[in-house]
């Protein structure tokens, strides 16, 4: 998985952690990832592909993929602060932050920290 696709996958994880994918969340994801895709058609294609893949997985499988990909990216420079800020923006974008979103956000932070410190 390319870095930009991985970010999209993680952003979908947060957006769907309340078991709803709202249009406003999709727009926030698109805006936050525009500089990684730079082409709307490329982004739309990646979104459709990853959403289909994401939807076919169980939550545990999704989290295993995220851990694996963070480990694969361990030696690459990641803007962790920006990623976490984007995730918070996605969580807040529909006006309601559910407990499941907070739990998922905390899991992402932990996965990120473990991969960066291993």
PDB file of N, CA and C in Angstrom:
ATOM      1  N   UNK A   1       0.855  -1.173   0.000  1.00  0.00           N
ATOM      2  CA  UNK A   1       0.000   0.000   0.000  1.00  0.00           C
ATOM      3  C   UNK A   1       0.902   1.239   0.000  1.00  0.00           C
ATOM      4  N   UNK A   2       0.624   2.158  -0.887  1.00  0.00           N
ATOM      5  CA  UNK A   2       1.379   3.410  -0.913  1.00  0.00           C
ATOM      6  C   UNK A   2       1.009   4.258   0.297  1.00  0.00           C
ATOM      7  N   UNK A   3       1.906   5.174   0.643  1.00  0.00           N
ATOM      8  CA  UNK A   3       1.695   6.026   1.817  1.00  0.00           C
ATOM      9  C   UNK A   3       0.356   6.754   1.738  1.00  0.00           C
ATOM     10  N   UNK A   4       0.045   7.358   0.604  1.00  0.00           N
ATOM     11  CA  UNK A   4      -1.194   8.122   0.478  1.00  0.00           C
ATOM     12  C   UNK A   4      -2.408   7.220   0.618  1.00  0.00           C
ATOM     13  N   UNK A   5      -2.327   5.998   0.109  1.00  0.00           N
ATOM     14  CA  UNK A   5      -3.429   5.052   0.263  1.00  0.00           C
ATOM     15  C   UNK A   5      -3.565   4.617   1.723  1.00  0.00           C
ATOM     16  N   UNK A   6      -2.428   4.449   2.376  1.00  0.00           N
ATOM     17  CA  UNK A   6      -2.465   4.091   3.788  1.00  0.00           C
ATOM     18  C   UNK A   6      -3.131   5.196   4.603  1.00  0.00           C
ATOM     19  N   UNK A   7      -2.775   6.450   4.327  1.00  0.00           N
ATOM     20  CA  UNK A   7      -3.428   7.556   5.037  1.00  0.00           C
ATOM     21  C   UNK A   7      -4.932   7.525   4.805  1.00  0.00           C
ATOM     22  N   UNK A   8      -5.351   7.314   3.592  1.00  0.00           N
ATOM     23  CA  UNK A   8      -6.778   7.231   3.277  1.00  0.00           C
ATOM     24  C   UNK A   8      -7.420   6.087   4.058  1.00  0.00           C
ATOM     25  N   UNK A   9      -6.746   4.961   4.140  1.00  0.00           N
ATOM     26  CA  UNK A   9      -7.252   3.800   4.879  1.00  0.00           C
ATOM     27  C   UNK A   9      -7.429   4.146   6.359  1.00  0.00           C
ATOM     28  N   UNK A  10      -6.434   4.804   6.955  1.00  0.00           N
ATOM     29  CA  UNK A  10      -6.506   5.198   8.366  1.00  0.00           C
ATOM     30  C   UNK A  10      -7.613   6.232   8.570  1.00  0.00           C
ATOM     31  N   UNK A  11      -7.742   7.155   7.644  1.00  0.00           N
ATOM     32  CA  UNK A  11      -8.774   8.174   7.764  1.00  0.00           C
ATOM     33  C   UNK A  11     -10.167   7.547   7.657  1.00  0.00           C
ATOM     34  N   UNK A  12     -10.307   6.537   6.799  1.00  0.00           N
ATOM     35  CA  UNK A  12     -11.578   5.809   6.727  1.00  0.00           C
ATOM     36  C   UNK A  12     -11.860   5.069   8.032  1.00  0.00           C
ATOM     37  N   UNK A  13     -10.815   4.539   8.631  1.00  0.00           N
ATOM     38  CA  UNK A  13     -10.959   3.838   9.912  1.00  0.00           C
ATOM     39  C   UNK A  13     -11.576   4.764  10.956  1.00  0.00           C
ATOM     40  N   UNK A  14     -11.077   5.982  11.028  1.00  0.00           N
ATOM     41  CA  UNK A  14     -11.615   6.951  11.993  1.00  0.00           C
ATOM     42  C   UNK A  14     -13.017   7.396  11.586  1.00  0.00           C
ATOM     43  N   UNK A  15     -13.198   7.717  10.330  1.00  0.00           N
ATOM     44  CA  UNK A  15     -14.502   8.216   9.872  1.00  0.00           C
ATOM     45  C   UNK A  15     -15.600   7.187  10.082  1.00  0.00           C
ATOM     46  N   UNK A  16     -15.281   5.916   9.922  1.00  0.00           N
ATOM     47  CA  UNK A  16     -16.295   4.869  10.026  1.00  0.00           C
ATOM     48  C   UNK A  16     -16.322   4.218  11.409  1.00  0.00           C
ATOM     49  N   UNK A  17     -15.539   4.720  12.339  1.00  0.00           N
ATOM     50  CA  UNK A  17     -15.497   4.108  13.668  1.00  0.00           C
ATOM     51  C   UNK A  17     -16.805   4.275  14.435  1.00  0.00           C
ATOM     52  N   UNK A  18     -17.672   5.162  13.968  1.00  0.00           N
ATOM     53  CA  UNK A  18     -19.013   5.280  14.562  1.00  0.00           C
ATOM     54  C   UNK A  18     -20.055   4.538  13.716  1.00  0.00           C
ATOM     55  N   UNK A  19     -19.562   3.725  12.776  1.00  0.00           N
ATOM     56  CA  UNK A  19     -20.388   2.878  11.902  1.00  0.00           C
ATOM     57  C   UNK A  19     -21.253   3.666  10.937  1.00  0.00           C
ATOM     58  N   UNK A  20     -20.820   4.913  10.672  1.00  0.00           N
ATOM     59  CA  UNK A  20     -21.476   5.753   9.668  1.00  0.00           C
ATOM     60  C   UNK A  20     -20.385   6.500   8.929  1.00  0.00           C
ATOM     61  N   UNK A  21     -20.516   6.601   7.634  1.00  0.00           N
ATOM     62  CA  UNK A  21     -19.595   7.400   6.851  1.00  0.00           C
ATOM     63  C   UNK A  21     -20.394   8.562   6.280  1.00  0.00           C
ATOM     64  N   UNK A  22     -20.239   9.713   6.923  1.00  0.00           N
ATOM     65  CA  UNK A  22     -20.999  10.903   6.545  1.00  0.00           C
ATOM     66  C   UNK A  22     -20.306  11.635   5.394  1.00  0.00           C
ATOM     67  N   UNK A  23     -21.090  12.284   4.555  1.00  0.00           N
ATOM     68  CA  UNK A  23     -20.558  13.041   3.418  1.00  0.00           C
ATOM     69  C   UNK A  23     -19.551  14.101   3.882  1.00  0.00           C
ATOM     70  N   UNK A  24     -19.839  14.762   4.985  1.00  0.00           N
ATOM     71  CA  UNK A  24     -18.939  15.797   5.482  1.00  0.00           C
ATOM     72  C   UNK A  24     -17.579  15.183   5.855  1.00  0.00           C
ATOM     73  N   UNK A  25     -17.577  13.962   6.384  1.00  0.00           N
ATOM     74  CA  UNK A  25     -16.318  13.287   6.720  1.00  0.00           C
ATOM     75  C   UNK A  25     -15.538  12.955   5.451  1.00  0.00           C
ATOM     76  N   UNK A  26     -16.250  12.511   4.432  1.00  0.00           N
ATOM     77  CA  UNK A  26     -15.612  12.191   3.150  1.00  0.00           C
ATOM     78  C   UNK A  26     -14.968  13.444   2.562  1.00  0.00           C
ATOM     79  N   UNK A  27     -15.651  14.578   2.671  1.00  0.00           N
ATOM     80  CA  UNK A  27     -15.111  15.843   2.154  1.00  0.00           C
ATOM     81  C   UNK A  27     -13.867  16.280   2.936  1.00  0.00           C
ATOM     82  N   UNK A  28     -13.893  16.123   4.244  1.00  0.00           N
ATOM     83  CA  UNK A  28     -12.735  16.484   5.067  1.00  0.00           C
ATOM     84  C   UNK A  28     -11.547  15.595   4.704  1.00  0.00           C
ATOM     85  N   UNK A  29     -11.799  14.320   4.535  1.00  0.00           N
ATOM     86  CA  UNK A  29     -10.729  13.397   4.141  1.00  0.00           C
ATOM     87  C   UNK A  29     -10.142  13.835   2.805  1.00  0.00           C
ATOM     88  N   UNK A  30     -11.008  14.103   1.854  1.00  0.00           N
ATOM     89  CA  UNK A  30     -10.562  14.522   0.518  1.00  0.00           C
ATOM     90  C   UNK A  30      -9.723  15.799   0.594  1.00  0.00           C
ATOM     91  N   UNK A  31     -10.194  16.780   1.351  1.00  0.00           N
ATOM     92  CA  UNK A  31      -9.447  18.036   1.481  1.00  0.00           C
ATOM     93  C   UNK A  31      -8.093  17.828   2.155  1.00  0.00           C
ATOM     94  N   UNK A  32      -8.057  16.972   3.169  1.00  0.00           N
ATOM     95  CA  UNK A  32      -6.804  16.755   3.896  1.00  0.00           C
ATOM     96  C   UNK A  32      -5.797  15.928   3.105  1.00  0.00           C
ATOM     97  N   UNK A  33      -6.265  15.158   2.154  1.00  0.00           N
ATOM     98  CA  UNK A  33      -5.354  14.317   1.371  1.00  0.00           C
ATOM     99  C   UNK A  33      -5.077  14.858  -0.024  1.00  0.00           C
ATOM    100  N   UNK A  34      -5.648  16.009  -0.356  1.00  0.00           N
ATOM    101  CA  UNK A  34      -5.493  16.532  -1.713  1.00  0.00           C
ATOM    102  C   UNK A  34      -4.031  16.676  -2.111  1.00  0.00           C
ATOM    103  N   UNK A  35      -3.187  17.164  -1.210  1.00  0.00           N
ATOM    104  CA  UNK A  35      -1.782  17.362  -1.573  1.00  0.00           C
ATOM    105  C   UNK A  35      -1.041  16.045  -1.783  1.00  0.00           C
ATOM    106  N   UNK A  36      -1.604  14.931  -1.316  1.00  0.00           N
ATOM    107  CA  UNK A  36      -0.992  13.627  -1.559  1.00  0.00           C
ATOM    108  C   UNK A  36      -1.428  13.038  -2.903  1.00  0.00           C
ATOM    109  N   UNK A  37      -2.641  13.357  -3.340  1.00  0.00           N
ATOM    110  CA  UNK A  37      -3.157  12.794  -4.586  1.00  0.00           C
ATOM    111  C   UNK A  37      -3.026  13.773  -5.743  1.00  0.00           C
ATOM    112  N   UNK A  38      -3.283  15.039  -5.488  1.00  0.00           N
ATOM    113  CA  UNK A  38      -3.152  16.135  -6.462  1.00  0.00           C
ATOM    114  C   UNK A  38      -4.017  15.989  -7.712  1.00  0.00           C
ATOM    115  N   UNK A  39      -4.817  14.963  -7.760  1.00  0.00           N
ATOM    116  CA  UNK A  39      -5.681  14.738  -8.907  1.00  0.00           C
ATOM    117  C   UNK A  39      -6.974  14.121  -8.395  1.00  0.00           C
ATOM    118  N   UNK A  40      -8.074  14.774  -8.689  1.00  0.00           N
ATOM    119  CA  UNK A  40      -9.355  14.320  -8.153  1.00  0.00           C
ATOM    120  C   UNK A  40      -9.730  12.928  -8.657  1.00  0.00           C
ATOM    121  N   UNK A  41      -9.449  12.652  -9.920  1.00  0.00           N
ATOM    122  CA  UNK A  41      -9.773  11.330 -10.468  1.00  0.00           C
ATOM    123  C   UNK A  41      -8.961  10.240  -9.769  1.00  0.00           C
ATOM    124  N   UNK A  42      -7.701  10.521  -9.507  1.00  0.00           N
ATOM    125  CA  UNK A  42      -6.848   9.564  -8.802  1.00  0.00           C
ATOM    126  C   UNK A  42      -7.352   9.339  -7.379  1.00  0.00           C
ATOM    127  N   UNK A  43      -7.721  10.420  -6.714  1.00  0.00           N
ATOM    128  CA  UNK A  43      -8.271  10.301  -5.367  1.00  0.00           C
ATOM    129  C   UNK A  43      -9.571   9.498  -5.379  1.00  0.00           C
ATOM    130  N   UNK A  44     -10.483   9.836  -6.279  1.00  0.00           N
ATOM    131  CA  UNK A  44     -11.772   9.146  -6.340  1.00  0.00           C
ATOM    132  C   UNK A  44     -11.595   7.655  -6.603  1.00  0.00           C
ATOM    133  N   UNK A  45     -10.675   7.324  -7.491  1.00  0.00           N
ATOM    134  CA  UNK A  45     -10.395   5.924  -7.791  1.00  0.00           C
ATOM    135  C   UNK A  45      -9.845   5.202  -6.554  1.00  0.00           C
ATOM    136  N   UNK A  46      -8.899   5.841  -5.873  1.00  0.00           N
ATOM    137  CA  UNK A  46      -8.321   5.248  -4.662  1.00  0.00           C
ATOM    138  C   UNK A  46      -9.379   5.115  -3.572  1.00  0.00           C
ATOM    139  N   UNK A  47     -10.228   6.119  -3.435  1.00  0.00           N
ATOM    140  CA  UNK A  47     -11.279   6.078  -2.420  1.00  0.00           C
ATOM    141  C   UNK A  47     -12.212   4.891  -2.671  1.00  0.00           C
ATOM    142  N   UNK A  48     -12.694   4.750  -3.897  1.00  0.00           N
ATOM    143  CA  UNK A  48     -13.615   3.656  -4.219  1.00  0.00           C
ATOM    144  C   UNK A  48     -12.959   2.302  -3.963  1.00  0.00           C
ATOM    145  N   UNK A  49     -11.725   2.163  -4.408  1.00  0.00           N
ATOM    146  CA  UNK A  49     -10.995   0.906  -4.236  1.00  0.00           C
ATOM    147  C   UNK A  49     -10.796   0.581  -2.748  1.00  0.00           C
ATOM    148  N   UNK A  50     -10.328   1.555  -1.983  1.00  0.00           N
ATOM    149  CA  UNK A  50     -10.059   1.314  -0.571  1.00  0.00           C
ATOM    150  C   UNK A  50     -11.341   1.150   0.249  1.00  0.00           C
ATOM    151  N   UNK A  51     -12.378   1.874  -0.101  1.00  0.00           N
ATOM    152  CA  UNK A  51     -13.638   1.722   0.626  1.00  0.00           C
ATOM    153  C   UNK A  51     -14.211   0.321   0.398  1.00  0.00           C
ATOM    154  N   UNK A  52     -14.120  -0.174  -0.831  1.00  0.00           N
ATOM    155  CA  UNK A  52     -14.595  -1.531  -1.126  1.00  0.00           C
ATOM    156  C   UNK A  52     -13.777  -2.550  -0.335  1.00  0.00           C
ATOM    157  N   UNK A  53     -12.453  -2.395  -0.338  1.00  0.00           N
ATOM    158  CA  UNK A  53     -11.578  -3.294   0.407  1.00  0.00           C
ATOM    159  C   UNK A  53     -11.860  -3.188   1.903  1.00  0.00           C
ATOM    160  N   UNK A  54     -11.909  -1.961   2.412  1.00  0.00           N
ATOM    161  CA  UNK A  54     -12.164  -1.711   3.831  1.00  0.00           C
ATOM    162  C   UNK A  54     -13.478  -2.368   4.264  1.00  0.00           C
ATOM    163  N   UNK A  55     -14.516  -2.201   3.470  1.00  0.00           N
ATOM    164  CA  UNK A  55     -15.843  -2.713   3.798  1.00  0.00           C
ATOM    165  C   UNK A  55     -15.897  -4.241   3.838  1.00  0.00           C
ATOM    166  N   UNK A  56     -14.941  -4.880   3.206  1.00  0.00           N
ATOM    167  CA  UNK A  56     -14.929  -6.344   3.164  1.00  0.00           C
ATOM    168  C   UNK A  56     -14.232  -6.960   4.377  1.00  0.00           C
ATOM    169  N   UNK A  57     -13.643  -6.122   5.220  1.00  0.00           N
ATOM    170  CA  UNK A  57     -12.830  -6.601   6.332  1.00  0.00           C
ATOM    171  C   UNK A  57     -13.545  -6.501   7.672  1.00  0.00           C
ATOM    172  N   UNK A  58     -13.124  -7.342   8.591  1.00  0.00           N
ATOM    173  CA  UNK A  58     -13.550  -7.241   9.989  1.00  0.00           C
ATOM    174  C   UNK A  58     -12.672  -6.196  10.669  1.00  0.00           C
ATOM    175  N   UNK A  59     -13.146  -5.621  11.755  1.00  0.00           N
ATOM    176  CA  UNK A  59     -12.406  -4.565  12.452  1.00  0.00           C
ATOM    177  C   UNK A  59     -11.006  -5.029  12.868  1.00  0.00           C
ATOM    178  N   UNK A  60     -10.899  -6.250  13.343  1.00  0.00           N
ATOM    179  CA  UNK A  60      -9.600  -6.784  13.760  1.00  0.00           C
ATOM    180  C   UNK A  60      -8.636  -6.843  12.577  1.00  0.00           C
ATOM    181  N   UNK A  61      -9.126  -7.242  11.412  1.00  0.00           N
ATOM    182  CA  UNK A  61      -8.285  -7.293  10.209  1.00  0.00           C
ATOM    183  C   UNK A  61      -7.817  -5.894   9.813  1.00  0.00           C
ATOM    184  N   UNK A  62      -8.715  -4.936   9.925  1.00  0.00           N
ATOM    185  CA  UNK A  62      -8.380  -3.547   9.597  1.00  0.00           C
ATOM    186  C   UNK A  62      -7.257  -3.056  10.499  1.00  0.00           C
ATOM    187  N   UNK A  63      -7.402  -3.315  11.789  1.00  0.00           N
ATOM    188  CA  UNK A  63      -6.388  -2.876  12.747  1.00  0.00           C
ATOM    189  C   UNK A  63      -5.056  -3.585  12.523  1.00  0.00           C
ATOM    190  N   UNK A  64      -5.082  -4.857  12.129  1.00  0.00           N
ATOM    191  CA  UNK A  64      -3.850  -5.585  11.818  1.00  0.00           C
ATOM    192  C   UNK A  64      -3.152  -4.971  10.609  1.00  0.00           C
ATOM    193  N   UNK A  65      -3.915  -4.580   9.613  1.00  0.00           N
ATOM    194  CA  UNK A  65      -3.345  -3.925   8.435  1.00  0.00           C
ATOM    195  C   UNK A  65      -2.709  -2.600   8.825  1.00  0.00           C
ATOM    196  N   UNK A  66      -3.381  -1.838   9.649  1.00  0.00           N
ATOM    197  CA  UNK A  66      -2.858  -0.543  10.073  1.00  0.00           C
ATOM    198  C   UNK A  66      -1.548  -0.722  10.835  1.00  0.00           C
ATOM    199  N   UNK A  67      -1.497  -1.669  11.754  1.00  0.00           N
ATOM    200  CA  UNK A  67      -0.267  -1.932  12.506  1.00  0.00           C
ATOM    201  C   UNK A  67       0.860  -2.317  11.550  1.00  0.00           C
ATOM    202  N   UNK A  68       0.572  -3.234  10.635  1.00  0.00           N
ATOM    203  CA  UNK A  68       1.578  -3.696   9.665  1.00  0.00           C
ATOM    204  C   UNK A  68       2.095  -2.533   8.816  1.00  0.00           C
ATOM    205  N   UNK A  69       1.190  -1.703   8.351  1.00  0.00           N
ATOM    206  CA  UNK A  69       1.596  -0.582   7.498  1.00  0.00           C
ATOM    207  C   UNK A  69       2.386   0.469   8.284  1.00  0.00           C
ATOM    208  N   UNK A  70       2.012   0.721   9.525  1.00  0.00           N
ATOM    209  CA  UNK A  70       2.817   1.632  10.345  1.00  0.00           C
ATOM    210  C   UNK A  70       4.222   1.066  10.516  1.00  0.00           C
ATOM    211  N   UNK A  71       4.321  -0.237  10.728  1.00  0.00           N
ATOM    212  CA  UNK A  71       5.635  -0.859  10.859  1.00  0.00           C
ATOM    213  C   UNK A  71       6.434  -0.744   9.566  1.00  0.00           C
ATOM    214  N   UNK A  72       5.769  -0.910   8.430  1.00  0.00           N
ATOM    215  CA  UNK A  72       6.446  -0.769   7.139  1.00  0.00           C
ATOM    216  C   UNK A  72       6.936   0.656   6.903  1.00  0.00           C
ATOM    217  N   UNK A  73       6.254   1.614   7.483  1.00  0.00           N
ATOM    218  CA  UNK A  73       6.602   3.025   7.298  1.00  0.00           C
ATOM    219  C   UNK A  73       7.526   3.558   8.392  1.00  0.00           C
ATOM    220  N   UNK A  74       7.937   2.693   9.278  1.00  0.00           N
ATOM    221  CA  UNK A  74       8.729   3.099  10.443  1.00  0.00           C
ATOM    222  C   UNK A  74       9.936   3.966  10.064  1.00  0.00           C
ATOM    223  N   UNK A  75      10.616   3.616   8.989  1.00  0.00           N
ATOM    224  CA  UNK A  75      11.823   4.336   8.605  1.00  0.00           C
ATOM    225  C   UNK A  75      11.558   5.531   7.695  1.00  0.00           C
ATOM    226  N   UNK A  76      10.308   5.729   7.329  1.00  0.00           N
ATOM    227  CA  UNK A  76       9.964   6.884   6.511  1.00  0.00           C
ATOM    228  C   UNK A  76       9.540   8.034   7.413  1.00  0.00           C
ATOM    229  N   UNK A  77       9.739   9.212   6.926  1.00  0.00           N
ATOM    230  CA  UNK A  77       9.331  10.388   7.695  1.00  0.00           C
ATOM    231  C   UNK A  77       7.821  10.568   7.571  1.00  0.00           C
ATOM    232  N   UNK A  78       7.164  10.570   8.713  1.00  0.00           N
ATOM    233  CA  UNK A  78       5.720  10.784   8.767  1.00  0.00           C
ATOM    234  C   UNK A  78       5.450  12.030   9.592  1.00  0.00           C
ATOM    235  N   UNK A  79       4.522  12.812   9.133  1.00  0.00           N
ATOM    236  CA  UNK A  79       4.109  13.984   9.890  1.00  0.00           C
ATOM    237  C   UNK A  79       3.009  13.542  10.856  1.00  0.00           C
ATOM    238  N   UNK A  80       3.436  12.948  11.964  1.00  0.00           N
ATOM    239  CA  UNK A  80       2.476  12.366  12.908  1.00  0.00           C
ATOM    240  C   UNK A  80       1.536  13.414  13.485  1.00  0.00           C
ATOM    241  N   UNK A  81       2.046  14.594  13.726  1.00  0.00           N
ATOM    242  CA  UNK A  81       1.187  15.652  14.278  1.00  0.00           C
ATOM    243  C   UNK A  81       0.071  16.002  13.294  1.00  0.00           C
ATOM    244  N   UNK A  82       0.422  16.111  12.025  1.00  0.00           N
ATOM    245  CA  UNK A  82      -0.593  16.428  11.006  1.00  0.00           C
ATOM    246  C   UNK A  82      -1.615  15.295  10.899  1.00  0.00           C
ATOM    247  N   UNK A  83      -1.144  14.062  10.914  1.00  0.00           N
ATOM    248  CA  UNK A  83      -2.048  12.918  10.818  1.00  0.00           C
ATOM    249  C   UNK A  83      -3.032  12.939  11.981  1.00  0.00           C
ATOM    250  N   UNK A  84      -2.530  13.127  13.190  1.00  0.00           N
ATOM    251  CA  UNK A  84      -3.411  13.151  14.358  1.00  0.00           C
ATOM    252  C   UNK A  84      -4.384  14.322  14.306  1.00  0.00           C
ATOM    253  N   UNK A  85      -3.921  15.478  13.845  1.00  0.00           N
ATOM    254  CA  UNK A  85      -4.814  16.639  13.689  1.00  0.00           C
ATOM    255  C   UNK A  85      -5.900  16.355  12.653  1.00  0.00           C
ATOM    256  N   UNK A  86      -5.509  15.718  11.540  1.00  0.00           N
ATOM    257  CA  UNK A  86      -6.489  15.359  10.512  1.00  0.00           C
ATOM    258  C   UNK A  86      -7.532  14.402  11.075  1.00  0.00           C
ATOM    259  N   UNK A  87      -7.075  13.419  11.853  1.00  0.00           N
ATOM    260  CA  UNK A  87      -7.999  12.454  12.436  1.00  0.00           C
ATOM    261  C   UNK A  87      -8.987  13.125  13.380  1.00  0.00           C
ATOM    262  N   UNK A  88      -8.496  14.069  14.170  1.00  0.00           N
ATOM    263  CA  UNK A  88      -9.398  14.812  15.060  1.00  0.00           C
ATOM    264  C   UNK A  88     -10.408  15.620  14.256  1.00  0.00           C
ATOM    265  N   UNK A  89      -9.953  16.234  13.182  1.00  0.00           N
ATOM    266  CA  UNK A  89     -10.856  17.026  12.341  1.00  0.00           C
ATOM    267  C   UNK A  89     -11.941  16.133  11.725  1.00  0.00           C
ATOM    268  N   UNK A  90     -11.552  14.936  11.292  1.00  0.00           N
ATOM    269  CA  UNK A  90     -12.518  14.000  10.720  1.00  0.00           C
ATOM    270  C   UNK A  90     -13.549  13.599  11.777  1.00  0.00           C
ATOM    271  N   UNK A  91     -13.069  13.288  12.977  1.00  0.00           N
ATOM    272  CA  UNK A  91     -13.979  12.881  14.060  1.00  0.00           C
ATOM    273  C   UNK A  91     -14.987  13.975  14.384  1.00  0.00           C
ATOM    274  N   UNK A  92     -14.554  15.206  14.373  1.00  0.00           N
ATOM    275  CA  UNK A  92     -15.406  16.333  14.773  1.00  0.00           C
ATOM    276  C   UNK A  92     -16.264  16.870  13.630  1.00  0.00           C
ATOM    277  N   UNK A  93     -15.973  16.474  12.407  1.00  0.00           N
ATOM    278  CA  UNK A  93     -16.598  17.106  11.245  1.00  0.00           C
ATOM    279  C   UNK A  93     -18.106  16.923  11.153  1.00  0.00           C
ATOM    280  N   UNK A  94     -18.638  15.829  11.691  1.00  0.00           N
ATOM    281  CA  UNK A  94     -20.091  15.636  11.608  1.00  0.00           C
ATOM    282  C   UNK A  94     -20.821  16.206  12.821  1.00  0.00           C
ATOM    283  N   UNK A  95     -20.067  16.877  13.711  1.00  0.00           N
ATOM    284  CA  UNK A  95     -20.681  17.556  14.846  1.00  0.00           C
ATOM    285  C   UNK A  95     -20.856  16.708  16.086  1.00  0.00           C
ATOM    286  N   UNK A  96     -20.581  15.416  15.986  1.00  0.00           N
ATOM    287  CA  UNK A  96     -20.740  14.518  17.125  1.00  0.00           C
ATOM    288  C   UNK A  96     -19.503  13.624  17.208  1.00  0.00           C
ATOM    289  N   UNK A  97     -18.871  13.583  18.370  1.00  0.00           N
ATOM    290  CA  UNK A  97     -17.735  12.680  18.571  1.00  0.00           C
ATOM    291  C   UNK A  97     -18.215  11.559  19.488  1.00  0.00           C
ATOM    292  N   UNK A  98     -18.350  10.385  18.911  1.00  0.00           N
ATOM    293  CA  UNK A  98     -18.811   9.219  19.654  1.00  0.00           C
ATOM    294  C   UNK A  98     -17.654   8.566  20.412  1.00  0.00           C
ATOM    295  N   UNK A  99     -17.988   7.842  21.467  1.00  0.00           N
ATOM    296  CA  UNK A  99     -16.974   7.125  22.241  1.00  0.00           C
ATOM    297  C   UNK A  99     -16.164   6.184  21.362  1.00  0.00           C
ATOM    298  N   UNK A 100     -16.821   5.553  20.393  1.00  0.00           N
ATOM    299  CA  UNK A 100     -16.117   4.615  19.511  1.00  0.00           C
ATOM    300  C   UNK A 100     -15.047   5.327  18.688  1.00  0.00           C
ATOM    301  N   UNK A 101     -15.300   6.580  18.348  1.00  0.00           N
ATOM    302  CA  UNK A 101     -14.306   7.354  17.605  1.00  0.00           C
ATOM    303  C   UNK A 101     -13.103   7.674  18.487  1.00  0.00           C
ATOM    304  N   UNK A 102     -13.357   8.020  19.729  1.00  0.00           N
ATOM    305  CA  UNK A 102     -12.271   8.320  20.667  1.00  0.00           C
ATOM    306  C   UNK A 102     -11.430   7.075  20.900  1.00  0.00           C
ATOM    307  N   UNK A 103     -12.069   5.932  21.073  1.00  0.00           N
ATOM    308  CA  UNK A 103     -11.348   4.669  21.270  1.00  0.00           C
ATOM    309  C   UNK A 103     -10.493   4.362  20.041  1.00  0.00           C
ATOM    310  N   UNK A 104     -11.054   4.533  18.857  1.00  0.00           N
ATOM    311  CA  UNK A 104     -10.308   4.278  17.618  1.00  0.00           C
ATOM    312  C   UNK A 104      -9.142   5.252  17.465  1.00  0.00           C
ATOM    313  N   UNK A 105      -9.370   6.503  17.807  1.00  0.00           N
ATOM    314  CA  UNK A 105      -8.309   7.508  17.749  1.00  0.00           C
ATOM    315  C   UNK A 105      -7.165   7.128  18.688  1.00  0.00           C
ATOM    316  N   UNK A 106      -7.510   6.718  19.900  1.00  0.00           N
ATOM    317  CA  UNK A 106      -6.478   6.305  20.862  1.00  0.00           C
ATOM    318  C   UNK A 106      -5.711   5.086  20.362  1.00  0.00           C
ATOM    319  N   UNK A 107      -6.402   4.161  19.694  1.00  0.00           N
ATOM    320  CA  UNK A 107      -5.739   2.993  19.123  1.00  0.00           C
ATOM    321  C   UNK A 107      -4.734   3.414  18.043  1.00  0.00           C
ATOM    322  N   UNK A 108      -5.143   4.340  17.202  1.00  0.00           N
ATOM    323  CA  UNK A 108      -4.244   4.824  16.140  1.00  0.00           C
ATOM    324  C   UNK A 108      -3.009   5.470  16.753  1.00  0.00           C
ATOM    325  N   UNK A 109      -3.214   6.315  17.757  1.00  0.00           N
ATOM    326  CA  UNK A 109      -2.074   6.955  18.422  1.00  0.00           C
ATOM    327  C   UNK A 109      -1.126   5.907  18.989  1.00  0.00           C
ATOM    328  N   UNK A 110      -1.669   4.903  19.628  1.00  0.00           N
ATOM    329  CA  UNK A 110      -0.843   3.843  20.214  1.00  0.00           C
ATOM    330  C   UNK A 110      -0.108   3.068  19.124  1.00  0.00           C
ATOM    331  N   UNK A 111      -0.795   2.695  18.068  1.00  0.00           N
ATOM    332  CA  UNK A 111      -0.164   1.967  16.959  1.00  0.00           C
ATOM    333  C   UNK A 111       0.962   2.787  16.354  1.00  0.00           C
ATOM    334  N   UNK A 112       0.716   4.067  16.195  1.00  0.00           N
ATOM    335  CA  UNK A 112       1.708   4.960  15.608  1.00  0.00           C
ATOM    336  C   UNK A 112       2.947   5.056  16.508  1.00  0.00           C
ATOM    337  N   UNK A 113       2.724   5.262  17.785  1.00  0.00           N
ATOM    338  CA  UNK A 113       3.833   5.395  18.724  1.00  0.00           C
ATOM    339  C   UNK A 113       4.637   4.115  18.843  1.00  0.00           C
ATOM    340  N   UNK A 114       3.965   2.981  18.894  1.00  0.00           N
ATOM    341  CA  UNK A 114       4.663   1.690  18.988  1.00  0.00           C
ATOM    342  C   UNK A 114       5.532   1.490  17.753  1.00  0.00           C
ATOM    343  N   UNK A 115       4.988   1.791  16.572  1.00  0.00           N
ATOM    344  CA  UNK A 115       5.758   1.566  15.344  1.00  0.00           C
ATOM    345  C   UNK A 115       6.947   2.523  15.236  1.00  0.00           C
ATOM    346  N   UNK A 116       6.779   3.743  15.708  1.00  0.00           N
ATOM    347  CA  UNK A 116       7.869   4.713  15.622  1.00  0.00           C
ATOM    348  C   UNK A 116       8.971   4.430  16.648  1.00  0.00           C
ATOM    349  N   UNK A 117       8.608   3.803  17.737  1.00  0.00           N
ATOM    350  CA  UNK A 117       9.584   3.553  18.803  1.00  0.00           C
ATOM    351  C   UNK A 117      10.156   2.146  18.799  1.00  0.00           C
ATOM    352  N   UNK A 118       9.789   1.338  17.817  1.00  0.00           N
ATOM    353  CA  UNK A 118      10.318  -0.033  17.788  1.00  0.00           C
ATOM    354  C   UNK A 118      11.486  -0.167  16.850  1.00  0.00           C
TER     355      UNK A 118
END
